[in-house]
Amino acid sequence: MTRFIHDQFAKQYLTELLTPYGQVETSKDITAEVRQIDVLFIPLFFAKII
């Protein structure tokens, strides 16, 4: 959930910008600590390795 409209805009913008180059997820929970990241980007060449 975003607090400000510019946060939502940035997530949508980055998603559209990075999707042709790899996998993009927004509002992803991280298990190492109780935190959440706004945008997770995994390049296509790296996604094939995983």
C-alpha atoms as a PDB file:
ATOM      1  CA  MET A   1       0.000   0.000   0.000  1.00  0.00           C
ATOM      2  CA  THR A   2       1.410   3.361  -0.945  1.00  0.00           C
ATOM      3  CA  ARG A   3       1.147   6.459   1.203  1.00  0.00           C
ATOM      4  CA  PHE A   4       1.546   9.077  -1.481  1.00  0.00           C
ATOM      5  CA  ILE A   5       0.401   9.353  -5.078  1.00  0.00           C
ATOM      6  CA  HIS A   6       3.985   9.833  -6.282  1.00  0.00           C
ATOM      7  CA  ASP A   7       4.878   6.433  -4.774  1.00  0.00           C
ATOM      8  CA  GLN A   8       2.214   4.734  -6.896  1.00  0.00           C
ATOM      9  CA  PHE A   9       3.324   6.688  -9.965  1.00  0.00           C
ATOM     10  CA  ALA A  10       6.947   5.665  -9.451  1.00  0.00           C
ATOM     11  CA  LYS A  11       6.006   1.995  -9.078  1.00  0.00           C
ATOM     12  CA  GLN A  12       3.889   2.042 -12.235  1.00  0.00           C
ATOM     13  CA  TYR A  13       6.546   3.954 -14.170  1.00  0.00           C
ATOM     14  CA  LEU A  14       9.350   1.603 -13.143  1.00  0.00           C
ATOM     15  CA  THR A  15       7.206  -1.434 -13.877  1.00  0.00           C
ATOM     16  CA  GLU A  16       6.491  -0.223 -17.421  1.00  0.00           C
ATOM     17  CA  LEU A  17      10.105   0.823 -17.965  1.00  0.00           C
ATOM     18  CA  LEU A  18      11.757  -2.375 -16.696  1.00  0.00           C
ATOM     19  CA  THR A  19       9.280  -5.082 -17.831  1.00  0.00           C
ATOM     20  CA  PRO A  20      10.870  -5.541 -21.300  1.00  0.00           C
ATOM     21  CA  TYR A  21      14.215  -6.231 -19.627  1.00  0.00           C
ATOM     22  CA  GLY A  22      13.216  -8.589 -16.826  1.00  0.00           C
ATOM     23  CA  GLN A  23      10.816  -9.550 -14.080  1.00  0.00           C
ATOM     24  CA  VAL A  24       9.331  -6.725 -12.005  1.00  0.00           C
ATOM     25  CA  GLU A  25       7.359  -7.078  -8.775  1.00  0.00           C
ATOM     26  CA  THR A  26       5.968  -4.242  -6.693  1.00  0.00           C
ATOM     27  CA  SER A  27       5.428  -4.207  -2.924  1.00  0.00           C
ATOM     28  CA  LYS A  28       7.521  -7.304  -2.262  1.00  0.00           C
ATOM     29  CA  ASP A  29       8.040  -8.541   1.307  1.00  0.00           C
ATOM     30  CA  ILE A  30      11.604  -9.438   2.270  1.00  0.00           C
ATOM     31  CA  THR A  31      12.081 -12.382   4.630  1.00  0.00           C
ATOM     32  CA  ALA A  32      15.540 -11.451   5.947  1.00  0.00           C
ATOM     33  CA  GLU A  33      13.971  -8.715   8.039  1.00  0.00           C
ATOM     34  CA  VAL A  34      10.426  -7.528   8.473  1.00  0.00           C
ATOM     35  CA  ARG A  35      10.574  -4.999   5.660  1.00  0.00           C
ATOM     36  CA  GLN A  36       8.966  -4.350   2.342  1.00  0.00           C
ATOM     37  CA  ILE A  37      10.593  -3.083  -0.830  1.00  0.00           C
ATOM     38  CA  ASP A  38       8.764  -0.975  -3.397  1.00  0.00           C
ATOM     39  CA  VAL A  39      10.173  -2.482  -6.592  1.00  0.00           C
ATOM     40  CA  LEU A  40      12.041  -5.745  -7.210  1.00  0.00           C
ATOM     41  CA  PHE A  41      13.740  -6.054 -10.609  1.00  0.00           C
ATOM     42  CA  ILE A  42      15.390  -9.245 -11.854  1.00  0.00           C
ATOM     43  CA  PRO A  43      17.095  -8.891 -15.264  1.00  0.00           C
ATOM     44  CA  LEU A  44      16.132 -11.479 -17.909  1.00  0.00           C
ATOM     45  CA  PHE A  45      19.618 -12.982 -18.146  1.00  0.00           C
ATOM     46  CA  PHE A  46      19.710 -13.431 -14.362  1.00  0.00           C
ATOM     47  CA  ALA A  47      16.162 -14.841 -14.198  1.00  0.00           C
ATOM     48  CA  LYS A  48      17.171 -17.680 -16.557  1.00  0.00           C
ATOM     49  CA  ILE A  49      19.947 -18.722 -14.164  1.00  0.00           C
ATOM     50  CA  ILE A  50      17.644 -18.949 -11.133  1.00  0.00           C
END
